[in-house]
Amino acid sequence: MGGMYCFKAARSERFFRIASFYGMITLPEAWRSRSQGEPLGMLLSGYAENVLAIVGGQDHYTPIVDIDQLRSTGAQVVLYPEAEHGFAHDASRPAHRPEDAADAYARAKDWLLSATL
């Protein structure tokens, strides 16, 4: 599931923990429609405290102003300042950052395993 849809899923009571990798926090103007809800709005109306958001400081999909808004929701935010979009996936891509990726996956695993049922 894409990171943006993780924010949307937080509106549901179905998930105790959600880990989002580089999810868009606000939609680009061209993507906005009645059927496509704003990720930040859905997060605000849901269970933001269940969300771990892993973001890159150089990701053009998640500008710092959006990351600041994300932090204000109560979601746990881990920022990798030098990372771009997709830094933890596909080691053949130029954006890949192996040390940040290993740390991000370890944090996501710990977050998901910390859920109390």
C-alpha atoms as a PDB file:
ATOM      1  CA  MET A   1       0.000   0.000   0.000  1.00  0.00           C
ATOM      2  CA  GLY A   2       1.287   3.456  -0.830  1.00  0.00           C
ATOM      3  CA  GLY A   3       2.343   5.766   1.964  1.00  0.00           C
ATOM      4  CA  MET A   4      -0.436   8.245   1.200  1.00  0.00           C
ATOM      5  CA  TYR A   5      -3.051   5.520   1.539  1.00  0.00           C
ATOM      6  CA  CYS A   6      -1.608   4.614   4.931  1.00  0.00           C
ATOM      7  CA  PHE A   7      -2.596   8.097   6.123  1.00  0.00           C
ATOM      8  CA  LYS A   8      -6.072   7.524   4.741  1.00  0.00           C
ATOM      9  CA  ALA A   9      -6.279   4.098   6.403  1.00  0.00           C
ATOM     10  CA  ALA A  10      -5.670   5.747   9.778  1.00  0.00           C
ATOM     11  CA  ARG A  11      -9.257   6.966   9.599  1.00  0.00           C
ATOM     12  CA  SER A  12     -10.362   3.379  10.161  1.00  0.00           C
ATOM     13  CA  GLU A  13     -10.364   1.527  13.475  1.00  0.00           C
ATOM     14  CA  ARG A  14      -9.160  -1.596  11.658  1.00  0.00           C
ATOM     15  CA  PHE A  15      -5.447  -0.980  12.230  1.00  0.00           C
ATOM     16  CA  PHE A  16      -3.561  -0.769  15.524  1.00  0.00           C
ATOM     17  CA  ARG A  17      -0.365   0.370  13.821  1.00  0.00           C
ATOM     18  CA  ILE A  18       0.395   1.793  10.383  1.00  0.00           C
ATOM     19  CA  ALA A  19       3.833   2.463   8.887  1.00  0.00           C
ATOM     20  CA  SER A  20       3.912   4.891   5.968  1.00  0.00           C
ATOM     21  CA  PHE A  21       6.980   5.241   3.773  1.00  0.00           C
ATOM     22  CA  TYR A  22       7.154   8.650   2.042  1.00  0.00           C
ATOM     23  CA  GLY A  23       3.432   9.197   1.764  1.00  0.00           C
ATOM     24  CA  MET A  24       2.175  12.434   0.256  1.00  0.00           C
ATOM     25  CA  ILE A  25       0.698  14.542   3.033  1.00  0.00           C
ATOM     26  CA  THR A  26      -1.185  16.934   0.769  1.00  0.00           C
ATOM     27  CA  LEU A  27      -2.278  16.221  -2.775  1.00  0.00           C
ATOM     28  CA  PRO A  28      -1.009  18.110  -5.795  1.00  0.00           C
ATOM     29  CA  GLU A  29      -3.713  20.356  -7.249  1.00  0.00           C
ATOM     30  CA  ALA A  30      -4.063  18.168 -10.354  1.00  0.00           C
ATOM     31  CA  TRP A  31      -4.945  15.132  -8.225  1.00  0.00           C
ATOM     32  CA  ARG A  32      -7.676  16.779  -6.166  1.00  0.00           C
ATOM     33  CA  SER A  33     -11.273  15.710  -6.680  1.00  0.00           C
ATOM     34  CA  ARG A  34     -14.357  14.888  -4.658  1.00  0.00           C
ATOM     35  CA  SER A  35     -13.488  11.195  -4.709  1.00  0.00           C
ATOM     36  CA  GLN A  36      -9.845  11.668  -3.702  1.00  0.00           C
ATOM     37  CA  GLY A  37      -9.766  12.775  -0.072  1.00  0.00           C
ATOM     38  CA  GLU A  38      -6.896  14.855   1.265  1.00  0.00           C
ATOM     39  CA  PRO A  39      -4.477  12.569   3.212  1.00  0.00           C
ATOM     40  CA  LEU A  40      -3.829  15.124   5.970  1.00  0.00           C
ATOM     41  CA  GLY A  41      -7.549  15.725   6.461  1.00  0.00           C
ATOM     42  CA  MET A  42      -8.236  12.018   6.766  1.00  0.00           C
ATOM     43  CA  LEU A  43      -5.395  11.636   9.221  1.00  0.00           C
ATOM     44  CA  LEU A  44      -6.758  14.491  11.331  1.00  0.00           C
ATOM     45  CA  SER A  45     -10.183  12.855  11.451  1.00  0.00           C
ATOM     46  CA  GLY A  46      -8.767   9.465  12.345  1.00  0.00           C
ATOM     47  CA  TYR A  47      -6.229   7.827  14.585  1.00  0.00           C
ATOM     48  CA  ALA A  48      -3.003   9.672  13.823  1.00  0.00           C
ATOM     49  CA  GLU A  49      -1.378   8.288  16.967  1.00  0.00           C
ATOM     50  CA  ASN A  50      -1.357   4.871  15.255  1.00  0.00           C
ATOM     51  CA  VAL A  51       0.815   6.132  12.387  1.00  0.00           C
ATOM     52  CA  LEU A  52       4.574   6.057  11.924  1.00  0.00           C
ATOM     53  CA  ALA A  53       5.511   8.278   8.979  1.00  0.00           C
ATOM     54  CA  ILE A  54       8.927   7.752   7.433  1.00  0.00           C
ATOM     55  CA  VAL A  55       9.862  10.672   5.192  1.00  0.00           C
ATOM     56  CA  GLY A  56      12.837  12.093   3.354  1.00  0.00           C
ATOM     57  CA  GLY A  57      13.876  15.690   3.792  1.00  0.00           C
ATOM     58  CA  GLN A  58      14.689  15.952   0.063  1.00  0.00           C
ATOM     59  CA  ASP A  59      11.455  14.324  -1.144  1.00  0.00           C
ATOM     60  CA  HIS A  60       9.627  16.739  -3.452  1.00  0.00           C
ATOM     61  CA  TYR A  61       6.335  14.984  -2.588  1.00  0.00           C
ATOM     62  CA  THR A  62       6.713  15.848   1.109  1.00  0.00           C
ATOM     63  CA  PRO A  63       7.874  19.440   1.553  1.00  0.00           C
ATOM     64  CA  ILE A  64       8.999  20.478   5.032  1.00  0.00           C
ATOM     65  CA  VAL A  65       5.883  22.620   5.567  1.00  0.00           C
ATOM     66  CA  ASP A  66       3.774  19.472   5.027  1.00  0.00           C
ATOM     67  CA  ILE A  67       5.994  17.459   7.368  1.00  0.00           C
ATOM     68  CA  ASP A  68       5.455  20.103  10.061  1.00  0.00           C
ATOM     69  CA  GLN A  69       1.689  19.760   9.583  1.00  0.00           C
ATOM     70  CA  LEU A  70       2.025  15.990   9.788  1.00  0.00           C
ATOM     71  CA  ARG A  71       3.882  16.265  13.094  1.00  0.00           C
ATOM     72  CA  SER A  72       1.054  18.390  14.509  1.00  0.00           C
ATOM     73  CA  THR A  73      -1.439  15.532  14.028  1.00  0.00           C
ATOM     74  CA  GLY A  74       0.144  13.305  16.665  1.00  0.00           C
ATOM     75  CA  ALA A  75       1.638  10.883  14.150  1.00  0.00           C
ATOM     76  CA  GLN A  76       5.171   9.704  14.882  1.00  0.00           C
ATOM     77  CA  VAL A  77       7.430  11.197  12.211  1.00  0.00           C
ATOM     78  CA  VAL A  78      10.936  10.010  11.367  1.00  0.00           C
ATOM     79  CA  LEU A  79      12.731  12.390   9.016  1.00  0.00           C
ATOM     80  CA  TYR A  80      15.839  11.399   7.074  1.00  0.00           C
ATOM     81  CA  PRO A  81      17.175  14.859   6.126  1.00  0.00           C
ATOM     82  CA  GLU A  82      19.243  13.843   3.084  1.00  0.00           C
ATOM     83  CA  ALA A  83      16.829  11.231   1.708  1.00  0.00           C
ATOM     84  CA  GLU A  84      14.704  11.523  -1.423  1.00  0.00           C
ATOM     85  CA  HIS A  85      11.458   9.781  -2.339  1.00  0.00           C
ATOM     86  CA  GLY A  86      11.948   6.020  -2.511  1.00  0.00           C
ATOM     87  CA  PHE A  87      15.178   5.957  -0.493  1.00  0.00           C
ATOM     88  CA  ALA A  88      14.370   2.658   1.222  1.00  0.00           C
ATOM     89  CA  HIS A  89      13.268   0.676  -1.818  1.00  0.00           C
ATOM     90  CA  ASP A  90      15.025  -0.718  -4.881  1.00  0.00           C
ATOM     91  CA  ALA A  91      18.745  -0.628  -4.261  1.00  0.00           C
ATOM     92  CA  SER A  92      19.373  -0.041  -7.979  1.00  0.00           C
ATOM     93  CA  ARG A  93      17.794   3.434  -7.857  1.00  0.00           C
ATOM     94  CA  PRO A  94      19.997   6.505  -7.341  1.00  0.00           C
ATOM     95  CA  ALA A  95      17.798   7.637  -4.423  1.00  0.00           C
ATOM     96  CA  HIS A  96      18.564   4.469  -2.430  1.00  0.00           C
ATOM     97  CA  ARG A  97      20.292   5.110   0.910  1.00  0.00           C
ATOM     98  CA  PRO A  98      21.228   1.751   2.451  1.00  0.00           C
ATOM     99  CA  GLU A  99      21.922   2.973   5.991  1.00  0.00           C
ATOM    100  CA  ASP A 100      18.769   5.092   6.146  1.00  0.00           C
ATOM    101  CA  ALA A 101      16.785   2.232   4.599  1.00  0.00           C
ATOM    102  CA  ALA A 102      18.012  -0.250   7.221  1.00  0.00           C
ATOM    103  CA  ASP A 103      17.159   2.185  10.006  1.00  0.00           C
ATOM    104  CA  ALA A 104      13.726   2.936   8.530  1.00  0.00           C
ATOM    105  CA  TYR A 105      12.843  -0.754   8.199  1.00  0.00           C
ATOM    106  CA  ALA A 106      13.999  -1.455  11.761  1.00  0.00           C
ATOM    107  CA  ARG A 107      11.867   1.421  13.065  1.00  0.00           C
ATOM    108  CA  ALA A 108       8.849   0.275  11.059  1.00  0.00           C
ATOM    109  CA  LYS A 109       9.222  -3.272  12.357  1.00  0.00           C
ATOM    110  CA  ASP A 110       9.532  -2.087  15.968  1.00  0.00           C
ATOM    111  CA  TRP A 111       6.518   0.204  15.505  1.00  0.00           C
ATOM    112  CA  LEU A 112       4.337  -2.545  14.065  1.00  0.00           C
ATOM    113  CA  LEU A 113       5.376  -5.034  16.741  1.00  0.00           C
ATOM    114  CA  SER A 114       4.650  -2.520  19.507  1.00  0.00           C
ATOM    115  CA  ALA A 115       0.902  -2.685  18.888  1.00  0.00           C
ATOM    116  CA  THR A 116      -1.104  -3.760  21.898  1.00  0.00           C
ATOM    117  CA  LEU A 117      -4.086  -5.840  20.915  1.00  0.00           C
END
